[in-house]
Amino acid sequence: MSKQLLLFDPRLPAWVRELWNRIDAQKRREILSILANMGRASLTASSPAIKTKETDNESE
């Protein structure tokens, strides 16, 4: 697979765009940083429910 598919519709609803534009640039960066950290933490969380093919093969 050389092309990554979209997870969400890239178009923003008007209310989201208006709300986002009301937030000052510094706060927007802070929000994005928090969301990025949350995403990273969820990917690195050690949960038995989250297994990849690589980790399954390592136990053999």
PDB file of N, CA and C in Angstrom:
ATOM      1  N   MET A   1       0.843  -1.188   0.000  1.00  0.00           N
ATOM      2  CA  MET A   1       0.000   0.000   0.000  1.00  0.00           C
ATOM      3  C   MET A   1       0.882   1.243   0.000  1.00  0.00           C
ATOM      4  N   SER A   2       0.876   1.947  -1.068  1.00  0.00           N
ATOM      5  CA  SER A   2       1.695   3.146  -1.143  1.00  0.00           C
ATOM      6  C   SER A   2       0.893   4.403  -0.848  1.00  0.00           C
ATOM      7  N   LYS A   3      -0.431   4.295  -0.836  1.00  0.00           N
ATOM      8  CA  LYS A   3      -1.260   5.472  -0.598  1.00  0.00           C
ATOM      9  C   LYS A   3      -2.021   5.311   0.713  1.00  0.00           C
ATOM     10  N   GLN A   4      -1.934   6.342   1.563  1.00  0.00           N
ATOM     11  CA  GLN A   4      -2.645   6.302   2.832  1.00  0.00           C
ATOM     12  C   GLN A   4      -4.052   6.841   2.630  1.00  0.00           C
ATOM     13  N   LEU A   5      -5.034   6.098   3.086  1.00  0.00           N
ATOM     14  CA  LEU A   5      -6.421   6.521   2.970  1.00  0.00           C
ATOM     15  C   LEU A   5      -6.768   7.514   4.069  1.00  0.00           C
ATOM     16  N   LEU A   6      -7.761   8.356   3.817  1.00  0.00           N
ATOM     17  CA  LEU A   6      -8.198   9.333   4.808  1.00  0.00           C
ATOM     18  C   LEU A   6      -9.033   8.647   5.884  1.00  0.00           C
ATOM     19  N   LEU A   7      -8.826   9.048   7.124  1.00  0.00           N
ATOM     20  CA  LEU A   7      -9.627   8.520   8.220  1.00  0.00           C
ATOM     21  C   LEU A   7     -10.936   9.276   8.365  1.00  0.00           C
ATOM     22  N   PHE A   8     -10.891  10.570   8.051  1.00  0.00           N
ATOM     23  CA  PHE A   8     -12.056  11.426   8.210  1.00  0.00           C
ATOM     24  C   PHE A   8     -12.248  12.265   6.963  1.00  0.00           C
ATOM     25  N   ASP A   9     -13.455  12.746   6.776  1.00  0.00           N
ATOM     26  CA  ASP A   9     -13.748  13.667   5.686  1.00  0.00           C
ATOM     27  C   ASP A   9     -12.935  14.939   5.927  1.00  0.00           C
ATOM     28  N   PRO A  10     -12.098  15.360   4.986  1.00  0.00           N
ATOM     29  CA  PRO A  10     -11.227  16.517   5.219  1.00  0.00           C
ATOM     30  C   PRO A  10     -11.962  17.862   5.297  1.00  0.00           C
ATOM     31  N   ARG A  11     -13.210  17.902   4.846  1.00  0.00           N
ATOM     32  CA  ARG A  11     -13.952  19.166   4.922  1.00  0.00           C
ATOM     33  C   ARG A  11     -14.398  19.428   6.356  1.00  0.00           C
ATOM     34  N   LEU A  12     -14.152  20.635   6.824  1.00  0.00           N
ATOM     35  CA  LEU A  12     -14.570  21.005   8.172  1.00  0.00           C
ATOM     36  C   LEU A  12     -15.971  21.598   8.133  1.00  0.00           C
ATOM     37  N   PRO A  13     -16.831  21.187   9.061  1.00  0.00           N
ATOM     38  CA  PRO A  13     -18.133  21.846   9.147  1.00  0.00           C
ATOM     39  C   PRO A  13     -17.934  23.318   9.502  1.00  0.00           C
ATOM     40  N   ALA A  14     -18.861  24.156   9.085  1.00  0.00           N
ATOM     41  CA  ALA A  14     -18.741  25.599   9.311  1.00  0.00           C
ATOM     42  C   ALA A  14     -18.560  25.925  10.788  1.00  0.00           C
ATOM     43  N   TRP A  15     -19.286  25.245  11.677  1.00  0.00           N
ATOM     44  CA  TRP A  15     -19.189  25.575  13.099  1.00  0.00           C
ATOM     45  C   TRP A  15     -17.807  25.246  13.651  1.00  0.00           C
ATOM     46  N   VAL A  16     -17.175  24.192  13.155  1.00  0.00           N
ATOM     47  CA  VAL A  16     -15.828  23.844  13.611  1.00  0.00           C
ATOM     48  C   VAL A  16     -14.838  24.894  13.130  1.00  0.00           C
ATOM     49  N   ARG A  17     -14.949  25.280  11.861  1.00  0.00           N
ATOM     50  CA  ARG A  17     -14.059  26.294  11.293  1.00  0.00           C
ATOM     51  C   ARG A  17     -14.205  27.626  12.036  1.00  0.00           C
ATOM     52  N   GLU A  18     -15.446  28.031  12.321  1.00  0.00           N
ATOM     53  CA  GLU A  18     -15.672  29.291  13.043  1.00  0.00           C
ATOM     54  C   GLU A  18     -15.096  29.232  14.455  1.00  0.00           C
ATOM     55  N   LEU A  19     -15.322  28.127  15.133  1.00  0.00           N
ATOM     56  CA  LEU A  19     -14.798  27.971  16.491  1.00  0.00           C
ATOM     57  C   LEU A  19     -13.278  27.996  16.486  1.00  0.00           C
ATOM     58  N   TRP A  20     -12.660  27.260  15.555  1.00  0.00           N
ATOM     59  CA  TRP A  20     -11.200  27.198  15.457  1.00  0.00           C
ATOM     60  C   TRP A  20     -10.619  28.569  15.167  1.00  0.00           C
ATOM     61  N   ASN A  21     -11.263  29.324  14.289  1.00  0.00           N
ATOM     62  CA  ASN A  21     -10.761  30.650  13.925  1.00  0.00           C
ATOM     63  C   ASN A  21     -10.890  31.661  15.060  1.00  0.00           C
ATOM     64  N   ARG A  22     -11.766  31.414  16.010  1.00  0.00           N
ATOM     65  CA  ARG A  22     -11.918  32.322  17.160  1.00  0.00           C
ATOM     66  C   ARG A  22     -10.794  32.152  18.180  1.00  0.00           C
ATOM     67  N   ILE A  23     -10.134  31.020  18.139  1.00  0.00           N
ATOM     68  CA  ILE A  23      -9.057  30.737  19.090  1.00  0.00           C
ATOM     69  C   ILE A  23      -7.774  31.369  18.566  1.00  0.00           C
ATOM     70  N   ASP A  24      -7.041  32.053  19.451  1.00  0.00           N
ATOM     71  CA  ASP A  24      -5.807  32.703  18.999  1.00  0.00           C
ATOM     72  C   ASP A  24      -4.756  31.655  18.624  1.00  0.00           C
ATOM     73  N   ALA A  25      -3.807  32.075  17.802  1.00  0.00           N
ATOM     74  CA  ALA A  25      -2.819  31.163  17.215  1.00  0.00           C
ATOM     75  C   ALA A  25      -2.020  30.402  18.273  1.00  0.00           C
ATOM     76  N   GLN A  26      -1.642  31.057  19.352  1.00  0.00           N
ATOM     77  CA  GLN A  26      -0.868  30.398  20.416  1.00  0.00           C
ATOM     78  C   GLN A  26      -1.672  29.259  21.036  1.00  0.00           C
ATOM     79  N   LYS A  27      -2.931  29.494  21.312  1.00  0.00           N
ATOM     80  CA  LYS A  27      -3.783  28.455  21.899  1.00  0.00           C
ATOM     81  C   LYS A  27      -4.014  27.309  20.917  1.00  0.00           C
ATOM     82  N   ARG A  28      -4.132  27.626  19.622  1.00  0.00           N
ATOM     83  CA  ARG A  28      -4.307  26.568  18.615  1.00  0.00           C
ATOM     84  C   ARG A  28      -3.095  25.646  18.602  1.00  0.00           C
ATOM     85  N   ARG A  29      -1.896  26.231  18.668  1.00  0.00           N
ATOM     86  CA  ARG A  29      -0.678  25.409  18.710  1.00  0.00           C
ATOM     87  C   ARG A  29      -0.663  24.535  19.966  1.00  0.00           C
ATOM     88  N   GLU A  30      -1.089  25.108  21.081  1.00  0.00           N
ATOM     89  CA  GLU A  30      -1.135  24.356  22.333  1.00  0.00           C
ATOM     90  C   GLU A  30      -2.127  23.189  22.226  1.00  0.00           C
ATOM     91  N   ILE A  31      -3.281  23.449  21.645  1.00  0.00           N
ATOM     92  CA  ILE A  31      -4.292  22.401  21.462  1.00  0.00           C
ATOM     93  C   ILE A  31      -3.754  21.286  20.576  1.00  0.00           C
ATOM     94  N   LEU A  32      -3.118  21.659  19.459  1.00  0.00           N
ATOM     95  CA  LEU A  32      -2.564  20.652  18.551  1.00  0.00           C
ATOM     96  C   LEU A  32      -1.473  19.835  19.225  1.00  0.00           C
ATOM     97  N   SER A  33      -0.668  20.485  20.056  1.00  0.00           N
ATOM     98  CA  SER A  33       0.389  19.785  20.776  1.00  0.00           C
ATOM     99  C   SER A  33      -0.203  18.769  21.756  1.00  0.00           C
ATOM    100  N   ILE A  34      -1.237  19.170  22.464  1.00  0.00           N
ATOM    101  CA  ILE A  34      -1.898  18.261  23.411  1.00  0.00           C
ATOM    102  C   ILE A  34      -2.500  17.072  22.668  1.00  0.00           C
ATOM    103  N   LEU A  35      -3.179  17.340  21.553  1.00  0.00           N
ATOM    104  CA  LEU A  35      -3.783  16.256  20.775  1.00  0.00           C
ATOM    105  C   LEU A  35      -2.719  15.311  20.217  1.00  0.00           C
ATOM    106  N   ALA A  36      -1.597  15.869  19.764  1.00  0.00           N
ATOM    107  CA  ALA A  36      -0.508  15.037  19.246  1.00  0.00           C
ATOM    108  C   ALA A  36       0.062  14.157  20.355  1.00  0.00           C
ATOM    109  N   ASN A  37       0.239  14.722  21.545  1.00  0.00           N
ATOM    110  CA  ASN A  37       0.745  13.938  22.681  1.00  0.00           C
ATOM    111  C   ASN A  37      -0.229  12.825  23.055  1.00  0.00           C
ATOM    112  N   MET A  38      -1.524  13.134  23.017  1.00  0.00           N
ATOM    113  CA  MET A  38      -2.531  12.119  23.318  1.00  0.00           C
ATOM    114  C   MET A  38      -2.479  10.988  22.288  1.00  0.00           C
ATOM    115  N   GLY A  39      -2.319  11.349  21.031  1.00  0.00           N
ATOM    116  CA  GLY A  39      -2.227  10.341  19.978  1.00  0.00           C
ATOM    117  C   GLY A  39      -1.004   9.467  20.140  1.00  0.00           C
ATOM    118  N   ARG A  40       0.145  10.098  20.432  1.00  0.00           N
ATOM    119  CA  ARG A  40       1.378   9.331  20.646  1.00  0.00           C
ATOM    120  C   ARG A  40       1.230   8.388  21.837  1.00  0.00           C
ATOM    121  N   ALA A  41       0.637   8.895  22.913  1.00  0.00           N
ATOM    122  CA  ALA A  41       0.472   8.073  24.114  1.00  0.00           C
ATOM    123  C   ALA A  41      -0.436   6.880  23.830  1.00  0.00           C
ATOM    124  N   SER A  42      -1.465   7.088  23.037  1.00  0.00           N
ATOM    125  CA  SER A  42      -2.367   5.973  22.742  1.00  0.00           C
ATOM    126  C   SER A  42      -1.683   4.919  21.879  1.00  0.00           C
ATOM    127  N   LEU A  43      -0.748   5.342  21.034  1.00  0.00           N
ATOM    128  CA  LEU A  43      -0.037   4.386  20.185  1.00  0.00           C
ATOM    129  C   LEU A  43       1.017   3.600  20.952  1.00  0.00           C
ATOM    130  N   THR A  44       1.574   4.206  21.991  1.00  0.00           N
ATOM    131  CA  THR A  44       2.635   3.545  22.745  1.00  0.00           C
ATOM    132  C   THR A  44       2.119   2.857  24.006  1.00  0.00           C
ATOM    133  N   ALA A  45       0.828   2.982  24.284  1.00  0.00           N
ATOM    134  CA  ALA A  45       0.261   2.360  25.483  1.00  0.00           C
ATOM    135  C   ALA A  45       0.409   0.849  25.386  1.00  0.00           C
ATOM    136  N   SER A  46       0.786   0.250  26.490  1.00  0.00           N
ATOM    137  CA  SER A  46       0.932  -1.212  26.485  1.00  0.00           C
ATOM    138  C   SER A  46      -0.396  -1.826  26.913  1.00  0.00           C
ATOM    139  N   SER A  47      -1.143  -2.244  25.938  1.00  0.00           N
ATOM    140  CA  SER A  47      -2.436  -2.857  26.188  1.00  0.00           C
ATOM    141  C   SER A  47      -2.478  -4.208  25.493  1.00  0.00           C
ATOM    142  N   PRO A  48      -2.937  -5.245  26.187  1.00  0.00           N
ATOM    143  CA  PRO A  48      -2.994  -6.555  25.538  1.00  0.00           C
ATOM    144  C   PRO A  48      -3.956  -6.581  24.350  1.00  0.00           C
ATOM    145  N   ALA A  49      -4.899  -5.671  24.316  1.00  0.00           N
ATOM    146  CA  ALA A  49      -5.852  -5.624  23.208  1.00  0.00           C
ATOM    147  C   ALA A  49      -5.216  -5.066  21.950  1.00  0.00           C
ATOM    148  N   ILE A  50      -4.118  -4.319  22.103  1.00  0.00           N
ATOM    149  CA  ILE A  50      -3.448  -3.716  20.955  1.00  0.00           C
ATOM    150  C   ILE A  50      -2.235  -4.571  20.619  1.00  0.00           C
ATOM    151  N   LYS A  51      -2.353  -5.365  19.589  1.00  0.00           N
ATOM    152  CA  LYS A  51      -1.238  -6.204  19.153  1.00  0.00           C
ATOM    153  C   LYS A  51      -1.071  -6.044  17.659  1.00  0.00           C
ATOM    154  N   THR A  52       0.171  -6.008  17.241  1.00  0.00           N
ATOM    155  CA  THR A  52       0.449  -5.943  15.812  1.00  0.00           C
ATOM    156  C   THR A  52       0.992  -7.284  15.370  1.00  0.00           C
ATOM    157  N   LYS A  53       1.094  -7.467  14.094  1.00  0.00           N
ATOM    158  CA  LYS A  53       1.647  -8.713  13.565  1.00  0.00           C
ATOM    159  C   LYS A  53       3.086  -8.898  14.033  1.00  0.00           C
ATOM    160  N   GLU A  54       3.839  -7.787  14.127  1.00  0.00           N
ATOM    161  CA  GLU A  54       5.231  -7.869  14.573  1.00  0.00           C
ATOM    162  C   GLU A  54       5.324  -8.396  15.995  1.00  0.00           C
ATOM    163  N   THR A  55       4.506  -7.864  16.902  1.00  0.00           N
ATOM    164  CA  THR A  55       4.585  -8.306  18.294  1.00  0.00           C
ATOM    165  C   THR A  55       4.084  -9.731  18.432  1.00  0.00           C
ATOM    166  N   ASP A  56       3.130 -10.142  17.608  1.00  0.00           N
ATOM    167  CA  ASP A  56       2.675 -11.528  17.640  1.00  0.00           C
ATOM    168  C   ASP A  56       3.798 -12.472  17.236  1.00  0.00           C
ATOM    169  N   ASN A  57       4.592 -12.088  16.244  1.00  0.00           N
ATOM    170  CA  ASN A  57       5.686 -12.929  15.757  1.00  0.00           C
ATOM    171  C   ASN A  57       6.846 -12.988  16.738  1.00  0.00           C
ATOM    172  N   GLU A  58       7.037 -11.943  17.538  1.00  0.00           N
ATOM    173  CA  GLU A  58       8.154 -11.900  18.479  1.00  0.00           C
ATOM    174  C   GLU A  58       8.001 -12.938  19.580  1.00  0.00           C
ATOM    175  N   SER A  59       6.771 -13.312  19.915  1.00  0.00           N
ATOM    176  CA  SER A  59       6.559 -14.252  21.009  1.00  0.00           C
ATOM    177  C   SER A  59       6.861 -15.691  20.607  1.00  0.00           C
ATOM    178  N   GLU A  60       7.093 -15.944  19.335  1.00  0.00           N
ATOM    179  CA  GLU A  60       7.362 -17.307  18.860  1.00  0.00           C
ATOM    180  C   GLU A  60       8.785 -17.726  19.090  1.00  0.00           C
TER     181      GLU A  60
END
